[in-house]
Amino acid sequence: MINKRNRTSSSDIGRALYLYFLGLSTRGVAKAMFYLHKVKRSHVAIWNWIQKCHPRKISSKRKKMEEYIVDETLIKVGSKLVWLWVVIEPETRQILALSISNERNMLIAERFLSDVVKIHGKHPVSTDGGTWYPMACKFLRLKHHIHSPFEKSLIERTMQYIKDRTECFDDYFPCRTINCKLKHVRNWMNLFVDYHNKELIR
């Protein structure tokens, strides 16, 4: 007798991802899916769904923006630390773009902002006192200013929110690959932003 593999429906996968990005760990999602929907899957299966889901590129339908609020922070991937770069729009507070790099300097800041401009156009840039931003903005002919208290609070809340969501796997992304290209981290971040932005416009 041949055992047929019980396939998981796309709606159940969607529910699982929604629960995960509400704040549950993968183990918590597995328990919730069983008790709420009678779908029995392991936390490993939940993690694999997260990795296999490829959302569209981050974008915004807003035609007008006042400015970009930009910041960067360290996150841990396996045994190494990498820089996470984030841009938000102050009115909707949506995340417009993010990027990951091994270093933090003017060239990386310029490349990141250049990619943002290609998608969303030229707008003033608000940053902290990082010395890599003014020269990057000057090169791209973007107006630059230091965060106001309001702008600082917006970006700090967003950055902390992102970092809080990594705590479900002990504040780092599980990675044992030598010289990892960080593809799985970027995929997780894109999926996270996709859910985050959809929640903001509901």
Protein backbone atom coordinates (compact mmCIF):
# COMPACT_ATOMS: atom_id res chain seq x y z
CA MET A 1 0.00 0.00 0.00
CA ILE A 2 1.36 3.40 -0.98
CA ASN A 3 1.08 6.20 1.55
CA LYS A 4 -0.03 9.46 -0.04
CA ARG A 5 1.67 12.55 1.24
CA ASN A 6 -0.76 14.98 2.84
CA ARG A 7 -0.20 18.26 1.01
CA THR A 8 -0.73 21.55 2.79
CA SER A 9 -3.17 23.95 1.12
CA SER A 10 -2.02 27.43 0.16
CA SER A 11 -4.65 28.92 2.48
CA ASP A 12 -3.22 27.00 5.46
CA ILE A 13 0.30 28.13 4.55
CA GLY A 14 -1.00 31.69 4.36
CA ARG A 15 -2.57 31.38 7.81
CA ALA A 16 0.67 30.00 9.22
CA LEU A 17 2.75 32.84 7.78
CA TYR A 18 0.25 35.38 9.09
CA LEU A 19 0.50 33.94 12.61
CA TYR A 20 4.28 33.90 12.38
CA PHE A 21 4.51 37.57 11.44
CA LEU A 22 2.04 38.50 14.17
CA GLY A 23 4.78 37.45 16.58
CA LEU A 24 4.52 33.70 17.18
CA SER A 25 7.60 31.50 16.96
CA THR A 26 7.63 28.67 14.42
CA ARG A 27 6.85 26.23 17.27
CA GLY A 28 4.02 28.49 18.39
CA VAL A 29 2.61 28.59 14.86
CA ALA A 30 2.74 24.79 14.60
CA LYS A 31 0.75 24.48 17.85
CA ALA A 32 -1.76 27.16 16.81
CA MET A 33 -2.34 25.56 13.41
CA PHE A 34 -3.10 22.23 15.08
CA TYR A 35 -5.44 23.57 17.77
CA LEU A 36 -7.19 26.16 15.58
CA HIS A 37 -7.28 24.48 12.17
CA LYS A 38 -6.48 20.79 12.88
CA VAL A 39 -3.42 21.05 10.62
CA LYS A 40 -0.53 19.09 12.08
CA ARG A 41 2.85 20.28 10.82
CA SER A 42 6.25 20.60 12.51
CA HIS A 43 8.02 23.86 13.30
CA VAL A 44 10.61 22.81 10.68
CA ALA A 45 7.86 22.68 8.04
CA ILE A 46 6.76 26.18 9.06
CA TRP A 47 10.33 27.45 8.67
CA ASN A 48 10.59 25.82 5.24
CA TRP A 49 7.39 27.57 4.14
CA ILE A 50 8.91 30.89 5.20
CA GLN A 51 12.05 30.20 3.18
CA LYS A 52 10.19 29.03 0.08
CA CYS A 53 7.81 31.99 -0.03
CA HIS A 54 9.08 34.69 -2.42
CA PRO A 55 7.06 37.90 -2.18
CA ARG A 56 7.20 40.57 -4.83
CA LYS A 57 9.85 43.23 -4.58
CA ILE A 58 9.13 45.80 -1.91
CA SER A 59 7.21 48.68 -3.45
CA SER A 60 4.85 51.46 -2.52
CA LYS A 61 1.84 52.78 -4.43
CA ARG A 62 2.21 56.24 -2.93
CA LYS A 63 2.90 58.77 -5.66
CA LYS A 64 3.89 61.59 -3.31
CA MET A 65 6.37 61.41 -0.47
CA GLU A 66 7.72 64.08 1.80
CA GLU A 67 11.06 62.39 2.46
CA TYR A 68 12.97 59.20 3.17
CA ILE A 69 13.88 58.32 6.75
CA VAL A 70 16.97 56.11 6.71
CA ASP A 71 18.89 54.13 9.32
CA GLU A 72 21.06 51.05 9.71
CA THR A 73 21.57 48.52 12.49
CA LEU A 74 23.54 45.37 13.20
CA ILE A 75 21.90 41.95 13.10
CA LYS A 76 23.48 38.58 13.76
CA VAL A 77 23.63 35.87 11.11
CA GLY A 78 25.08 32.67 12.51
CA SER A 79 28.36 33.71 14.14
CA LYS A 80 28.81 36.99 12.22
CA LEU A 81 27.33 40.47 12.39
CA VAL A 82 25.99 42.20 9.28
CA TRP A 83 24.46 45.62 8.63
CA LEU A 84 20.76 45.99 7.90
CA TRP A 85 19.82 49.21 6.01
CA VAL A 86 16.21 50.41 6.13
CA VAL A 87 14.20 53.24 4.51
CA ILE A 88 10.72 54.20 5.67
CA GLU A 89 8.15 56.78 4.53
CA PRO A 90 7.00 58.95 7.47
CA GLU A 91 3.30 59.37 6.70
CA THR A 92 2.32 55.73 6.13
CA ARG A 93 5.38 54.39 8.03
CA GLN A 94 5.75 51.71 5.38
CA ILE A 95 9.16 50.18 4.78
CA LEU A 96 10.20 51.23 1.28
CA ALA A 97 13.45 49.30 1.01
CA LEU A 98 16.00 47.30 2.94
CA SER A 99 19.43 45.90 2.23
CA ILE A 100 22.10 43.83 3.97
CA SER A 101 25.85 44.38 3.81
CA ASN A 102 28.98 43.15 5.53
CA GLU A 103 30.35 46.68 5.89
CA ARG A 104 29.07 50.19 6.55
CA ASN A 105 30.53 53.05 4.52
CA MET A 106 29.69 55.84 2.06
CA LEU A 107 29.83 53.62 -1.04
CA ILE A 108 27.33 51.14 0.40
CA ALA A 109 25.08 53.98 1.59
CA GLU A 110 25.21 55.56 -1.88
CA ARG A 111 24.37 52.28 -3.62
CA PHE A 112 21.47 51.65 -1.24
CA LEU A 113 20.00 55.14 -1.69
CA SER A 114 20.54 54.95 -5.44
CA ASP A 115 18.40 51.81 -5.62
CA VAL A 116 15.68 53.55 -3.58
CA VAL A 117 15.72 56.58 -5.90
CA LYS A 118 15.37 54.36 -8.98
CA ILE A 119 12.09 53.01 -7.62
CA HIS A 120 10.60 55.93 -5.68
CA GLY A 121 12.25 59.03 -7.14
CA LYS A 122 14.29 61.81 -5.55
CA HIS A 123 13.21 63.06 -2.12
CA PRO A 124 14.98 64.65 0.88
CA VAL A 125 16.80 62.18 3.11
CA SER A 126 16.66 62.20 6.91
CA THR A 127 19.40 60.28 8.76
CA ASP A 128 21.27 60.14 12.03
CA GLY A 129 24.75 61.60 12.36
CA GLY A 130 26.46 58.86 10.36
CA THR A 131 29.27 60.40 8.30
CA TRP A 132 28.60 58.07 5.35
CA TYR A 133 25.22 59.68 4.53
CA PRO A 134 26.02 63.35 3.67
CA MET A 135 28.55 62.45 0.96
CA ALA A 136 26.27 59.74 -0.45
CA CYS A 137 23.40 62.24 -0.68
CA LYS A 138 25.66 64.88 -2.22
CA PHE A 139 26.79 62.44 -4.89
CA LEU A 140 23.15 61.57 -5.69
CA ARG A 141 22.06 65.23 -5.49
CA LEU A 142 19.63 64.56 -2.66
CA LYS A 143 18.82 67.04 0.09
CA HIS A 144 20.03 65.73 3.44
CA HIS A 145 19.24 66.62 7.05
CA ILE A 146 19.64 65.09 10.50
CA HIS A 147 16.62 63.41 12.11
CA SER A 148 14.19 65.58 14.01
CA PRO A 149 13.01 64.02 17.33
CA PHE A 150 9.84 62.84 15.53
CA GLU A 151 11.74 61.28 12.63
CA LYS A 152 14.17 59.64 15.04
CA SER A 153 11.33 58.09 17.02
CA LEU A 154 9.69 56.72 13.86
CA ILE A 155 12.79 55.01 12.51
CA GLU A 156 13.90 53.74 15.91
CA ARG A 157 10.52 52.10 16.48
CA THR A 158 10.70 50.47 13.06
CA MET A 159 14.24 49.19 13.61
CA GLN A 160 13.38 47.83 17.05
CA TYR A 161 10.28 46.15 15.65
CA ILE A 162 12.39 44.37 13.02
CA LYS A 163 14.97 43.29 15.58
CA ASP A 164 12.25 42.08 17.96
CA ARG A 165 10.96 39.74 15.26
CA THR A 166 14.35 37.99 15.09
CA GLU A 167 14.04 37.01 18.75
CA CYS A 168 11.89 34.01 17.85
CA PHE A 169 15.14 32.34 16.86
CA ASP A 170 17.36 33.68 19.61
CA ASP A 171 18.24 37.04 18.03
CA TYR A 172 20.03 35.57 15.04
CA PHE A 173 19.17 33.91 11.77
CA PRO A 174 20.04 30.20 11.81
CA CYS A 175 22.93 29.89 9.41
CA ARG A 176 25.68 27.27 9.34
CA THR A 177 26.86 27.86 5.78
CA ILE A 178 30.48 28.96 5.36
CA ASN A 179 30.69 32.24 3.37
CA CYS A 180 26.90 32.45 3.31
CA LYS A 181 25.51 34.82 0.64
CA LEU A 182 22.67 35.75 3.04
CA LYS A 183 19.97 34.86 0.50
CA HIS A 184 17.79 33.25 3.19
CA VAL A 185 18.09 36.39 5.35
CA ARG A 186 17.07 38.67 2.49
CA ASN A 187 14.14 36.39 1.68
CA TRP A 188 12.97 36.46 5.31
CA MET A 189 13.26 40.25 5.41
CA ASN A 190 11.33 40.72 2.15
CA LEU A 191 8.56 38.45 3.39
CA PHE A 192 8.48 40.26 6.73
CA VAL A 193 8.20 43.66 5.02
CA ASP A 194 5.48 42.38 2.69
CA TYR A 195 3.33 41.40 5.68
CA HIS A 196 4.27 44.53 7.66
CA ASN A 197 3.26 46.93 4.88
CA LYS A 198 0.01 45.11 4.17
CA GLU A 199 -0.97 45.40 7.83
CA LEU A 200 -0.31 49.18 7.76
CA ILE A 201 -2.70 49.78 4.84
CA ARG A 202 -5.55 47.60 6.12
